[in-house]
Amino acid sequence: MNDKIKAKVLDKEGIERIVKRIAHEIAEQNKGLKEVAVVGIKTRGAFLAERISDELRVIEGAEIPVGALDITLYRDDLTEIAEQPVVHGTEIEFDMNGKTIVLVDDVLFTGRTVRCALDELVDFGRPAGIQLAVLIDRGHRELPIRPDYTGKNIPTTRTESVEVRLKQTDGVEEVVVFEGTENDSGTQV
């Protein structure tokens, strides 16, 4: 990947505002959160899911179940990413049956990651519904997947990449767009 930064589109405060706004939208859309749980796609989506769950707790004054999905074994490009892929494990310690699951990811691009997550979610139970929340929607969908809650739309070319950096993984809070080459995958570094 070409490491030339094209734009810094969000800083720490921007990410915090988006997380709060998405949490309020979830609470409003679901008219209470008694049967709502939040599940993030590892790695950064899981950290964002925890933040959204924390905000929902503040809004509603109740604990909101939160979990994390590792979609590694559900990927359609598993043989291309590594000879022996590293699996970090899925952590869902609540009954999903009958709940509305808010699936959280950092960047929505082609939709393939979300499709994998949907496949894995239904292996854990039968939710009443699944809603999608993303920090960044950069377009270029290959599958008919649309988020219910979007933090920020960032028009990009297919060769650019969008990197979400969070303090838990990167020591900094920001979203950066990099200029790309024809070989870039377009999501995270």
Protein backbone atom coordinates (compact mmCIF):
# COMPACT_ATOMS: atom_id res chain seq x y z
CA MET A 1 0.00 0.00 0.00
CA ASN A 2 1.12 3.52 -0.70
CA ASP A 3 1.34 5.21 2.70
CA LYS A 4 0.47 8.68 1.47
CA ILE A 5 -2.35 10.14 3.53
CA LYS A 6 -4.98 11.81 1.38
CA ALA A 7 -7.16 13.09 4.24
CA LYS A 8 -7.79 12.80 7.94
CA VAL A 9 -11.58 12.71 8.09
CA LEU A 10 -12.28 12.18 11.79
CA ASP A 11 -10.47 12.87 15.04
CA LYS A 12 -11.17 11.60 18.57
CA GLU A 13 -13.99 14.09 19.19
CA GLY A 14 -15.60 13.29 15.83
CA ILE A 15 -15.60 9.56 16.57
CA GLU A 16 -17.08 10.19 20.05
CA ARG A 17 -19.87 12.36 18.57
CA ILE A 18 -20.72 9.70 16.01
CA VAL A 19 -20.85 6.91 18.63
CA LYS A 20 -23.23 9.01 20.77
CA ARG A 21 -25.42 9.88 17.77
CA ILE A 22 -25.64 6.26 16.61
CA ALA A 23 -26.57 5.16 20.16
CA HIS A 24 -29.37 7.75 20.28
CA GLU A 25 -30.61 6.64 16.85
CA ILE A 26 -30.65 3.00 18.00
CA ALA A 27 -32.61 3.88 21.13
CA GLU A 28 -35.10 5.93 19.11
CA GLN A 29 -35.52 3.39 16.32
CA ASN A 30 -36.08 0.49 18.74
CA LYS A 31 -38.38 2.38 21.14
CA GLY A 32 -36.58 1.11 24.19
CA LEU A 33 -33.83 -1.42 24.45
CA LYS A 34 -35.28 -4.30 26.48
CA GLU A 35 -34.70 -6.83 23.67
CA VAL A 36 -31.67 -5.19 22.00
CA ALA A 37 -28.09 -6.46 22.04
CA VAL A 38 -24.99 -5.09 20.32
CA VAL A 39 -22.44 -7.30 18.54
CA GLY A 40 -19.25 -5.98 16.95
CA ILE A 41 -17.13 -7.50 14.21
CA LYS A 42 -13.59 -7.97 15.50
CA THR A 43 -11.41 -6.10 15.90
CA ARG A 44 -12.36 -2.45 15.66
CA GLY A 45 -16.09 -3.12 15.25
CA ALA A 46 -16.03 -4.94 18.60
CA PHE A 47 -14.47 -1.93 20.33
CA LEU A 48 -17.05 0.37 18.72
CA ALA A 49 -19.84 -2.00 19.84
CA GLU A 50 -18.63 -1.71 23.44
CA ARG A 51 -18.71 2.09 23.17
CA ILE A 52 -22.21 2.06 21.68
CA SER A 53 -23.40 -0.31 24.43
CA ASP A 54 -21.92 2.04 27.06
CA GLU A 55 -23.77 5.01 25.52
CA LEU A 56 -27.01 3.02 25.39
CA ARG A 57 -26.58 2.24 29.09
CA VAL A 58 -26.32 5.97 29.79
CA ILE A 59 -29.40 6.72 27.65
CA GLU A 60 -31.64 3.93 28.99
CA GLY A 61 -30.12 3.31 32.42
CA ALA A 62 -29.92 -0.44 31.77
CA GLU A 63 -27.25 -2.95 30.81
CA ILE A 64 -27.22 -3.71 27.09
CA PRO A 65 -25.68 -7.10 26.20
CA VAL A 66 -22.61 -6.77 24.01
CA GLY A 67 -20.65 -9.41 22.11
CA ALA A 68 -17.93 -9.78 19.51
CA LEU A 69 -17.71 -11.85 16.32
CA ASP A 70 -14.55 -13.22 14.76
CA ILE A 71 -15.59 -13.90 11.17
CA THR A 72 -12.24 -15.37 10.05
CA LEU A 73 -13.58 -18.86 9.35
CA TYR A 74 -16.64 -17.46 7.54
CA ARG A 75 -14.68 -15.41 4.99
CA ASP A 76 -15.05 -16.31 1.31
CA ASP A 77 -11.37 -15.43 0.77
CA LEU A 78 -10.02 -17.55 3.65
CA THR A 79 -7.49 -19.36 1.46
CA GLU A 80 -6.16 -16.04 0.16
CA ILE A 81 -5.56 -14.28 3.49
CA ALA A 82 -3.19 -16.80 5.09
CA GLU A 83 -2.14 -20.42 4.97
CA GLN A 84 -3.05 -20.74 8.65
CA PRO A 85 -5.36 -17.85 9.57
CA VAL A 86 -5.40 -16.63 13.17
CA VAL A 87 -8.79 -17.10 14.82
CA HIS A 88 -9.46 -14.91 17.88
CA GLY A 89 -12.80 -16.40 18.89
CA THR A 90 -16.34 -15.17 19.03
CA GLU A 91 -17.66 -13.90 22.35
CA ILE A 92 -21.45 -13.98 22.63
CA GLU A 93 -22.46 -14.77 26.17
CA PHE A 94 -26.19 -14.07 25.92
CA ASP A 95 -29.18 -15.73 24.26
CA MET A 96 -29.73 -14.09 20.87
CA ASN A 97 -33.08 -15.76 20.23
CA GLY A 98 -35.82 -13.16 19.88
CA LYS A 99 -33.48 -10.19 20.36
CA THR A 100 -32.81 -7.37 17.93
CA ILE A 101 -29.09 -7.51 17.23
CA VAL A 102 -27.26 -4.34 16.25
CA LEU A 103 -24.24 -5.52 14.26
CA VAL A 104 -21.37 -3.00 14.37
CA ASP A 105 -18.42 -2.61 12.01
CA ASP A 106 -15.88 0.14 11.49
CA VAL A 107 -15.84 0.43 7.66
CA LEU A 108 -18.48 -0.76 5.20
CA PHE A 109 -17.02 -1.32 1.76
CA THR A 110 -18.06 -4.24 -0.48
CA GLY A 111 -20.44 -5.80 2.05
CA ARG A 112 -18.59 -9.13 2.15
CA THR A 113 -17.50 -8.75 5.78
CA VAL A 114 -21.08 -8.05 6.85
CA ARG A 115 -22.33 -11.07 4.87
CA CYS A 116 -19.86 -13.27 6.75
CA ALA A 117 -20.99 -11.80 10.06
CA LEU A 118 -24.64 -12.46 9.21
CA ASP A 119 -23.81 -16.09 8.42
CA GLU A 120 -22.06 -16.47 11.76
CA LEU A 121 -24.78 -14.69 13.77
CA VAL A 122 -27.48 -17.11 12.65
CA ASP A 123 -25.28 -20.00 13.80
CA PHE A 124 -25.66 -18.62 17.35
CA GLY A 125 -29.44 -18.31 17.36
CA ARG A 126 -32.48 -16.81 15.73
CA PRO A 127 -32.64 -13.08 16.41
CA ALA A 128 -35.90 -11.20 15.90
CA GLY A 129 -34.00 -8.84 13.60
CA ILE A 130 -30.52 -7.64 12.71
CA GLN A 131 -29.65 -3.98 12.20
CA LEU A 132 -26.31 -2.71 10.88
CA ALA A 133 -24.34 0.21 12.34
CA VAL A 134 -21.11 1.40 10.73
CA LEU A 135 -18.72 4.18 11.62
CA ILE A 136 -17.75 4.76 7.96
CA ASP A 137 -19.60 3.89 4.75
CA ARG A 138 -17.24 4.27 1.82
CA GLY A 139 -19.47 2.85 -0.92
CA HIS A 140 -18.50 0.37 -3.65
CA ARG A 141 -20.92 -2.35 -2.54
CA GLU A 142 -20.70 -5.75 -4.22
CA LEU A 143 -23.61 -7.17 -2.23
CA PRO A 144 -27.06 -5.68 -1.50
CA ILE A 145 -26.19 -4.58 2.04
CA ARG A 146 -27.17 -1.19 3.48
CA PRO A 147 -26.50 0.14 6.98
CA ASP A 148 -29.35 1.19 9.28
CA TYR A 149 -27.03 3.58 11.14
CA THR A 150 -24.13 5.37 9.45
CA GLY A 151 -21.59 7.55 11.19
CA LYS A 152 -20.12 9.18 8.11
CA ASN A 153 -20.26 8.60 4.36
CA ILE A 154 -16.86 9.01 2.73
CA PRO A 155 -16.78 8.87 -1.06
CA THR A 156 -13.63 7.02 -2.10
CA THR A 157 -12.17 5.42 -5.18
CA ARG A 158 -11.81 1.65 -5.14
CA THR A 159 -8.04 2.00 -4.89
CA GLU A 160 -8.04 4.25 -1.84
CA SER A 161 -8.13 2.73 1.62
CA VAL A 162 -9.86 3.87 4.80
CA GLU A 163 -8.22 3.16 8.13
CA VAL A 164 -10.03 3.51 11.43
CA ARG A 165 -7.56 3.88 14.27
CA LEU A 166 -8.74 3.34 17.82
CA LYS A 167 -6.83 3.76 21.08
CA GLN A 168 -7.25 0.06 21.97
CA THR A 169 -5.49 -1.13 18.81
CA ASP A 170 -3.54 1.84 17.48
CA GLY A 171 -2.99 4.20 20.41
CA VAL A 172 -4.76 7.04 18.59
CA GLU A 173 -8.34 7.94 17.63
CA GLU A 174 -8.81 8.95 14.00
CA VAL A 175 -10.07 7.95 10.57
CA VAL A 176 -7.66 8.41 7.68
CA VAL A 177 -8.02 7.96 3.91
CA PHE A 178 -4.90 6.79 2.07
CA GLU A 179 -4.15 7.15 -1.61
CA GLY A 180 -4.00 3.68 -3.08
CA THR A 181 -2.69 1.45 -5.79
CA GLU A 182 -4.52 -1.07 -7.97
CA ASN A 183 -3.70 -3.87 -5.50
CA ASP A 184 -5.23 -2.29 -2.37
CA SER A 185 -8.13 -4.15 -0.79
CA GLY A 186 -9.74 -0.88 0.28
CA THR A 187 -10.47 -1.42 3.95
CA GLN A 188 -8.03 -1.55 6.82
CA VAL A 189 -4.28 -1.84 6.67
